[in-house]
């Protein structure tokens, strides 16, 4: 009887080890699951994939030590900072394709270890606008604000996922601030205070609506109910389908003469619970090689309008003189790499709390900076003790 019980336990832990890859991903693009299905068909692998919200995935990874059945994850590289909890497999250099842009590997190293395989690069924020309402390229934020009186009453001037801190970073950068400096959290700075005041003033002036989250903003722009949206390169194809020739895209404008610098990152394939060394190893290696090779990398541009990491594919695309791709690559010149570290994970969580408390009036900008820095330092110290 005990032998039967033991077999049941093993099957519960590895229910589909022979043929199925259980994959969780956070890519919000409408066509991404279709790409995974095509890849599974090409490789003759069965991929059981599920879209997971960023925060929900973090919880799943933190709980990964409790015999998770997730074989692989595709997510922004900064999530690799959760390695202490998720126990990601170290990626052997031999598993990285020679055609992979080596710059992208810097986003996947944590404490010198390669923990993810880049499959998409960029993921930077851009300014999209509808030429029905906006007739020329925008150079500065004042150019946007001046357009508000000219719009129909029911049309939003500009929208973005206001309460998500990824969208706050370009404003912080325009005041010469960052979250991590020399591997240390830097949240109590004059740049942070200025950025908090500026962004929340935009809300108070009715320039942007804090209540309009990602879904609300995305729908408003698609339905031509917003003149501008700040969103990631991943949304390009969706907006092309919705707006057609009325869509225009450009790098983020300057703010008070300074470049806004969104984070540059990669979407990576990683293996929690050291699954790359588990019973599904052969299938996972086959899957890892396939996402780096030309057929899938071409689909990343064709279906998603995201930037592939395969340098040969990218060269072929550039030879076509595609204006959209050239715009995306030009925008990369004014980005900065997003750190992948445990401190970065803490910085995001702490920034969200400070941003909300300042916006609610519970804290001044100065108090918010002190609150965030203190909370971050205590959290990091607690992580190091555990």
Protein backbone atom coordinates (compact mmCIF):
# COMPACT_ATOMS: atom_id res chain seq x y z
CA UNK A 1 0.00 0.00 0.00
CA UNK A 2 2.81 2.42 0.87
CA UNK A 3 4.38 1.82 -2.54
CA UNK A 4 1.09 2.79 -4.20
CA UNK A 5 0.85 5.90 -2.01
CA UNK A 6 4.41 6.90 -2.91
CA UNK A 7 3.65 6.54 -6.62
CA UNK A 8 0.60 8.78 -6.24
CA UNK A 9 2.71 11.46 -4.57
CA UNK A 10 5.25 11.40 -7.40
CA UNK A 11 2.54 11.67 -10.03
CA UNK A 12 1.07 14.66 -8.21
CA UNK A 13 4.42 16.42 -8.19
CA UNK A 14 5.25 15.63 -11.84
CA UNK A 15 1.88 14.97 -13.47
CA UNK A 16 2.95 15.37 -17.12
CA UNK A 17 6.70 14.90 -17.06
CA UNK A 18 6.90 12.93 -20.29
CA UNK A 19 5.18 15.16 -22.84
CA UNK A 20 3.81 18.40 -21.36
CA UNK A 21 5.54 21.66 -20.47
CA UNK A 22 3.61 23.70 -17.92
CA UNK A 23 4.32 27.34 -18.71
CA UNK A 24 3.21 30.56 -17.00
CA UNK A 25 3.72 33.91 -18.76
CA UNK A 26 2.95 37.59 -18.16
CA UNK A 27 3.12 38.90 -21.75
CA UNK A 28 -0.18 40.76 -22.17
CA UNK A 29 -0.10 40.74 -25.96
CA UNK A 30 -3.25 39.31 -27.54
CA UNK A 31 -1.29 37.10 -29.97
CA UNK A 32 1.33 35.69 -27.62
CA UNK A 33 -0.55 32.54 -26.72
CA UNK A 34 -1.07 31.92 -30.44
CA UNK A 35 2.70 32.09 -30.91
CA UNK A 36 3.18 29.53 -28.18
CA UNK A 37 0.67 27.25 -29.87
CA UNK A 38 2.52 27.55 -33.19
CA UNK A 39 5.82 26.85 -31.46
CA UNK A 40 4.38 23.77 -29.77
CA UNK A 41 3.16 22.50 -33.13
CA UNK A 42 6.54 23.09 -34.80
CA UNK A 43 8.45 21.32 -32.04
CA UNK A 44 5.87 18.58 -31.44
CA UNK A 45 5.78 19.57 -27.77
CA UNK A 46 2.65 19.93 -25.69
CA UNK A 47 2.72 23.32 -23.97
CA UNK A 48 0.10 23.96 -21.28
CA UNK A 49 0.36 27.75 -21.02
CA UNK A 50 -1.47 30.21 -18.77
CA UNK A 51 -1.41 34.02 -18.66
CA UNK A 52 -0.71 35.20 -15.13
CA UNK A 53 -0.87 38.74 -13.75
CA UNK A 54 2.54 40.15 -12.78
CA UNK A 55 1.71 40.32 -9.07
CA UNK A 56 0.08 36.89 -9.06
CA UNK A 57 3.15 35.42 -10.71
CA UNK A 58 5.41 36.93 -8.07
CA UNK A 59 3.31 35.24 -5.40
CA UNK A 60 3.48 31.96 -7.32
CA UNK A 61 7.27 32.21 -7.56
CA UNK A 62 7.71 33.12 -3.90
CA UNK A 63 5.71 30.00 -3.06
CA UNK A 64 7.64 27.91 -5.59
CA UNK A 65 9.41 25.83 -2.96
CA UNK A 66 6.14 24.07 -2.17
CA UNK A 67 6.53 21.62 -5.09
CA UNK A 68 5.17 23.85 -7.84
CA UNK A 69 4.25 22.10 -11.09
CA UNK A 70 5.30 25.07 -13.24
CA UNK A 71 8.15 23.97 -15.50
CA UNK A 72 8.93 27.31 -17.10
CA UNK A 73 8.04 30.99 -16.96
CA UNK A 74 8.27 33.84 -19.47
CA UNK A 75 8.36 37.22 -17.79
CA UNK A 76 10.34 40.50 -17.56
CA UNK A 77 13.94 39.85 -16.55
CA UNK A 78 13.73 41.84 -13.32
CA UNK A 79 11.62 39.03 -11.82
CA UNK A 80 14.79 36.95 -11.76
CA UNK A 81 15.58 38.83 -8.56
CA UNK A 82 13.17 36.42 -6.86
CA UNK A 83 15.70 33.62 -7.29
CA UNK A 84 16.05 33.16 -3.53
CA UNK A 85 12.50 31.87 -3.45
CA UNK A 86 12.01 30.47 -6.94
CA UNK A 87 15.36 28.65 -7.24
CA UNK A 88 15.75 29.27 -10.96
CA UNK A 89 18.00 26.90 -12.88
CA UNK A 90 21.39 28.33 -13.83
CA UNK A 91 21.47 28.48 -17.62
CA UNK A 92 24.54 26.87 -19.20
CA UNK A 93 26.25 29.11 -21.75
CA UNK A 94 25.93 26.27 -24.26
CA UNK A 95 22.14 26.71 -24.23
CA UNK A 96 22.40 30.32 -25.43
CA UNK A 97 22.24 30.51 -29.23
CA UNK A 98 25.21 32.13 -30.95
CA UNK A 99 22.76 34.44 -32.72
CA UNK A 100 21.39 35.88 -29.46
CA UNK A 101 22.27 39.55 -28.96
CA UNK A 102 24.88 39.33 -26.19
CA UNK A 103 23.86 42.71 -24.75
CA UNK A 104 20.58 41.18 -23.67
CA UNK A 105 22.36 38.67 -21.45
CA UNK A 106 23.29 41.48 -19.04
CA UNK A 107 19.61 41.76 -18.06
CA UNK A 108 19.46 38.08 -17.09
CA UNK A 109 22.40 37.82 -14.72
CA UNK A 110 21.85 37.86 -10.98
CA UNK A 111 24.96 37.83 -8.79
CA UNK A 112 26.96 36.76 -11.81
CA UNK A 113 24.74 33.79 -12.66
CA UNK A 114 22.78 33.52 -15.90
CA UNK A 115 19.25 32.67 -14.80
CA UNK A 116 17.17 33.39 -17.91
CA UNK A 117 17.23 33.09 -21.70
CA UNK A 118 16.28 36.33 -23.50
CA UNK A 119 13.63 35.88 -26.18
CA UNK A 120 12.31 39.45 -26.68
CA UNK A 121 14.18 42.71 -26.16
CA UNK A 122 13.09 46.27 -25.67
CA UNK A 123 9.79 46.29 -23.78
CA UNK A 124 10.32 50.03 -23.43
CA UNK A 125 7.57 52.61 -23.21
CA UNK A 126 6.66 54.72 -26.23
CA UNK A 127 4.29 57.57 -27.02
CA UNK A 128 1.46 56.49 -29.31
CA UNK A 129 -0.93 59.05 -30.74
CA UNK A 130 -3.93 59.29 -33.01
CA UNK A 131 -3.33 61.56 -36.00
CA UNK A 132 -7.04 62.31 -36.06
CA UNK A 133 -6.35 64.54 -33.06
CA UNK A 134 -2.57 65.16 -33.22
CA UNK A 135 -1.10 66.53 -36.44
CA UNK A 136 2.63 66.57 -35.76
CA UNK A 137 5.37 64.91 -33.73
CA UNK A 138 5.62 65.87 -30.07
CA UNK A 139 8.90 67.26 -28.76
CA UNK A 140 8.08 68.26 -25.17
CA UNK A 141 5.38 67.64 -22.58
CA UNK A 142 4.14 71.18 -23.02
CA UNK A 143 3.25 70.29 -26.62
CA UNK A 144 0.87 67.67 -25.23
CA UNK A 145 -0.68 69.86 -22.58
CA UNK A 146 -1.37 72.66 -25.09
CA UNK A 147 -3.60 70.32 -27.10
CA UNK A 148 -6.13 69.71 -24.32
CA UNK A 149 -8.50 72.63 -25.16
CA UNK A 150 -8.63 71.52 -28.81
CA UNK A 151 -10.00 68.03 -28.17
CA UNK A 152 -13.66 66.97 -28.10
CA UNK A 153 -14.95 66.92 -24.53
CA UNK A 154 -15.34 63.12 -24.40
CA UNK A 155 -11.77 62.43 -25.61
CA UNK A 156 -9.00 61.99 -23.05
CA UNK A 157 -5.84 63.97 -23.74
CA UNK A 158 -3.41 61.28 -22.59
CA UNK A 159 -3.63 58.09 -20.61
CA UNK A 160 -1.40 55.39 -19.17
CA UNK A 161 -1.44 52.86 -16.36
CA UNK A 162 -1.04 55.63 -13.81
CA UNK A 163 -0.67 53.52 -10.66
CA UNK A 164 1.88 51.09 -12.14
CA UNK A 165 5.38 52.23 -11.30
CA UNK A 166 6.94 51.10 -14.59
CA UNK A 167 5.20 54.14 -16.08
CA UNK A 168 6.53 56.44 -13.35
CA UNK A 169 10.20 55.70 -14.09
CA UNK A 170 10.47 57.92 -17.23
CA UNK A 171 9.27 60.90 -15.19
CA UNK A 172 11.77 60.13 -12.44
CA UNK A 173 14.55 59.86 -15.02
CA UNK A 174 13.70 63.28 -16.46
CA UNK A 175 14.58 64.73 -13.05
CA UNK A 176 17.83 62.70 -13.14
CA UNK A 177 16.68 60.09 -10.65
CA UNK A 178 16.71 56.29 -10.57
CA UNK A 179 15.67 53.56 -8.14
CA UNK A 180 19.02 51.76 -7.92
CA UNK A 181 22.36 53.59 -7.96
CA UNK A 182 25.61 51.63 -7.52
CA UNK A 183 23.54 48.58 -6.50
CA UNK A 184 21.86 50.52 -3.69
CA UNK A 185 18.27 51.69 -3.41
CA UNK A 186 17.99 55.49 -3.77
CA UNK A 187 14.42 56.60 -3.06
CA UNK A 188 14.91 59.61 -0.78
CA UNK A 189 16.19 62.08 -3.37
CA UNK A 190 15.23 65.50 -4.67
CA UNK A 191 14.55 63.88 -8.05
CA UNK A 192 11.97 61.58 -6.43
CA UNK A 193 10.24 64.52 -4.75
CA UNK A 194 10.10 66.50 -7.99
CA UNK A 195 8.79 63.54 -9.98
CA UNK A 196 6.08 62.75 -7.42
CA UNK A 197 4.88 66.34 -7.48
CA UNK A 198 4.94 66.60 -11.27
CA UNK A 199 3.05 63.38 -11.99
CA UNK A 200 0.37 63.91 -9.36
CA UNK A 201 -0.03 67.55 -10.48
CA UNK A 202 -0.88 66.20 -13.95
CA UNK A 203 -3.68 64.22 -12.34
CA UNK A 204 -4.95 67.17 -10.33
CA UNK A 205 -4.97 69.35 -13.47
CA UNK A 206 -7.09 66.80 -15.30
CA UNK A 207 -4.33 65.99 -17.79
CA UNK A 208 -4.38 62.29 -16.85
CA UNK A 209 -6.86 60.21 -14.85
CA UNK A 210 -5.36 58.21 -11.98
CA UNK A 211 -8.41 55.91 -11.98
CA UNK A 212 -7.79 54.75 -15.55
CA UNK A 213 -5.68 51.59 -15.21
CA UNK A 214 -3.99 49.55 -17.93
CA UNK A 215 -7.18 48.01 -19.31
CA UNK A 216 -9.03 51.33 -19.23
CA UNK A 217 -6.19 53.17 -20.97
CA UNK A 218 -5.69 50.44 -23.56
CA UNK A 219 -9.41 50.39 -24.44
CA UNK A 220 -9.69 54.19 -24.56
CA UNK A 221 -6.89 54.51 -27.10
CA UNK A 222 -8.10 51.58 -29.20
CA UNK A 223 -11.58 53.12 -29.35
CA UNK A 224 -10.21 56.56 -30.30
CA UNK A 225 -11.29 57.99 -26.96
CA UNK A 226 -7.77 59.19 -26.13
CA UNK A 227 -5.40 61.29 -28.23
CA UNK A 228 -2.22 59.86 -26.66
CA UNK A 229 -1.22 56.80 -24.71
CA UNK A 230 2.07 55.83 -23.10
CA UNK A 231 2.42 52.11 -23.52
CA UNK A 232 4.97 49.46 -24.32
CA UNK A 233 6.24 48.31 -27.67
CA UNK A 234 4.19 45.14 -27.09
CA UNK A 235 0.97 47.10 -27.83
CA UNK A 236 2.05 48.29 -31.27
CA UNK A 237 0.39 45.58 -33.34
CA UNK A 238 -2.90 45.87 -31.47
CA UNK A 239 -3.02 49.63 -32.07
CA UNK A 240 -2.12 49.19 -35.73
CA UNK A 241 -5.11 46.89 -36.15
CA UNK A 242 -7.41 49.32 -34.32
CA UNK A 243 -6.30 52.66 -35.80
CA UNK A 244 -4.67 51.76 -39.10
CA UNK A 245 -3.17 54.77 -40.85
CA UNK A 246 -4.25 57.06 -38.00
CA UNK A 247 -1.67 55.55 -35.66
CA UNK A 248 1.65 57.29 -35.05
CA UNK A 249 4.38 56.28 -32.62
CA UNK A 250 7.52 57.99 -31.34
CA UNK A 251 9.95 57.96 -28.41
CA UNK A 252 8.74 59.63 -25.22
CA UNK A 253 9.00 63.45 -25.41
CA UNK A 254 11.35 65.56 -23.38
CA UNK A 255 10.28 66.95 -20.03
CA UNK A 256 11.62 70.42 -19.24
CA UNK A 257 14.35 69.85 -21.80
CA UNK A 258 15.45 66.49 -20.37
CA UNK A 259 15.02 63.10 -22.02
CA UNK A 260 12.52 60.76 -20.43
CA UNK A 261 14.28 57.42 -20.11
CA UNK A 262 12.03 54.39 -19.71
CA UNK A 263 13.53 51.11 -18.63
CA UNK A 264 14.82 48.75 -21.26
CA UNK A 265 14.44 45.08 -20.48
CA UNK A 266 13.96 41.66 -21.93
CA UNK A 267 11.33 39.00 -21.66
CA UNK A 268 13.13 35.86 -20.61
CA UNK A 269 12.49 32.15 -20.36
CA UNK A 270 13.39 30.81 -16.91
CA UNK A 271 12.99 27.53 -15.05
CA UNK A 272 11.72 27.69 -11.44
CA UNK A 273 12.47 24.99 -8.87
CA UNK A 274 15.56 24.07 -10.92
CA UNK A 275 13.24 22.34 -13.39
CA UNK A 276 15.96 22.35 -16.06
CA UNK A 277 17.60 19.57 -14.07
CA UNK A 278 14.31 17.73 -13.48
CA UNK A 279 12.53 14.86 -15.26
CA UNK A 280 11.28 17.18 -18.04
CA UNK A 281 14.82 18.37 -18.86
CA UNK A 282 14.95 17.17 -22.47
CA UNK A 283 11.65 18.82 -23.43
CA UNK A 284 12.66 22.08 -21.72
CA UNK A 285 15.99 22.19 -23.56
CA UNK A 286 14.20 21.57 -26.85
CA UNK A 287 11.75 24.39 -26.04
CA UNK A 288 14.58 26.74 -24.99
CA UNK A 289 16.42 26.24 -28.26
CA UNK A 290 13.27 26.73 -30.32
CA UNK A 291 12.38 30.15 -28.84
CA UNK A 292 15.82 31.48 -29.82
CA UNK A 293 15.88 30.19 -33.38
CA UNK A 294 14.87 32.10 -36.50
CA UNK A 295 11.32 30.78 -37.13
CA UNK A 296 10.04 31.83 -33.70
CA UNK A 297 12.11 35.01 -33.64
CA UNK A 298 10.60 36.10 -36.98
CA UNK A 299 7.13 35.54 -35.50
CA UNK A 300 7.98 37.86 -32.60
CA UNK A 301 8.16 40.72 -35.08
CA UNK A 302 5.45 39.54 -37.48
CA UNK A 303 2.82 38.78 -34.83
CA UNK A 304 3.80 40.97 -31.88
CA UNK A 305 5.85 43.80 -33.41
CA UNK A 306 8.35 43.29 -30.63
CA UNK A 307 12.11 43.29 -31.16
CA UNK A 308 13.70 39.84 -31.56
CA UNK A 309 16.96 38.96 -29.83
CA UNK A 310 18.22 36.90 -32.77
CA UNK A 311 20.76 39.19 -34.47
CA UNK A 312 20.46 37.48 -37.86
CA UNK A 313 16.70 37.92 -37.85
CA UNK A 314 17.06 41.55 -36.77
CA UNK A 315 19.54 42.23 -39.58
CA UNK A 316 17.15 40.76 -42.14
CA UNK A 317 14.31 42.91 -40.83
CA UNK A 318 16.40 46.08 -40.90
CA UNK A 319 17.25 45.45 -44.55
CA UNK A 320 13.54 45.93 -45.28
CA UNK A 321 13.77 49.57 -44.06
CA UNK A 322 10.69 49.17 -41.90
CA UNK A 323 9.88 52.60 -40.42
CA UNK A 324 8.18 51.16 -37.37
CA UNK A 325 11.11 48.94 -36.45
CA UNK A 326 13.49 51.85 -36.98
CA UNK A 327 11.37 53.93 -34.58
CA UNK A 328 11.46 51.22 -31.92
CA UNK A 329 15.23 50.88 -32.23
CA UNK A 330 15.71 54.65 -32.18
CA UNK A 331 13.72 54.84 -28.97
CA UNK A 332 16.09 52.32 -27.39
CA UNK A 333 18.83 54.96 -27.52
CA UNK A 334 17.13 56.84 -24.68
CA UNK A 335 16.43 53.91 -22.37
CA UNK A 336 18.34 52.40 -19.48
CA UNK A 337 18.61 48.74 -18.51
CA UNK A 338 16.30 47.61 -15.74
CA UNK A 339 18.26 45.98 -12.89
CA UNK A 340 17.56 42.33 -12.11
CA UNK A 341 18.16 41.98 -8.37
CA UNK A 342 16.37 41.27 -5.14
CA UNK A 343 16.76 44.95 -4.24
CA UNK A 344 14.87 45.91 -7.40
CA UNK A 345 11.92 43.72 -6.41
CA UNK A 346 11.76 45.50 -3.06
CA UNK A 347 12.18 48.92 -4.69
CA UNK A 348 9.11 48.35 -6.89
CA UNK A 349 6.93 47.35 -3.94
CA UNK A 350 8.11 50.22 -1.76
CA UNK A 351 7.74 52.78 -4.54
CA UNK A 352 4.13 51.74 -5.08
CA UNK A 353 3.37 52.39 -1.40
CA UNK A 354 5.11 55.75 -1.31
CA UNK A 355 3.56 56.87 -4.59
CA UNK A 356 0.06 56.02 -3.34
CA UNK A 357 0.53 57.67 0.06
CA UNK A 358 1.80 60.87 -1.51
CA UNK A 359 -1.09 60.91 -3.96
CA UNK A 360 -3.65 60.41 -1.20
CA UNK A 361 -2.21 63.33 0.76
CA UNK A 362 -1.11 61.11 3.64
CA UNK A 363 2.53 62.12 3.13
CA UNK A 364 4.37 65.10 1.68
CA UNK A 365 6.93 64.46 -1.04
CA UNK A 366 9.72 64.78 1.52
CA UNK A 367 7.99 62.41 3.93
CA UNK A 368 7.31 59.93 1.12
CA UNK A 369 11.01 59.85 0.25
CA UNK A 370 12.02 59.20 3.86
CA UNK A 371 9.29 56.57 4.25
CA UNK A 372 10.29 54.69 1.10
CA UNK A 373 14.02 54.73 1.80
CA UNK A 374 13.56 53.54 5.38
CA UNK A 375 11.14 50.79 4.40
CA UNK A 376 13.39 49.62 1.56
CA UNK A 377 16.49 49.46 3.75
CA UNK A 378 14.66 47.51 6.47
CA UNK A 379 13.20 45.10 3.91
CA UNK A 380 16.60 44.49 2.32
CA UNK A 381 18.18 43.93 5.75
CA UNK A 382 15.46 41.40 6.60
CA UNK A 383 16.07 39.59 3.29
CA UNK A 384 19.76 39.32 4.03
CA UNK A 385 19.11 37.91 7.53
CA UNK A 386 16.72 35.20 6.32
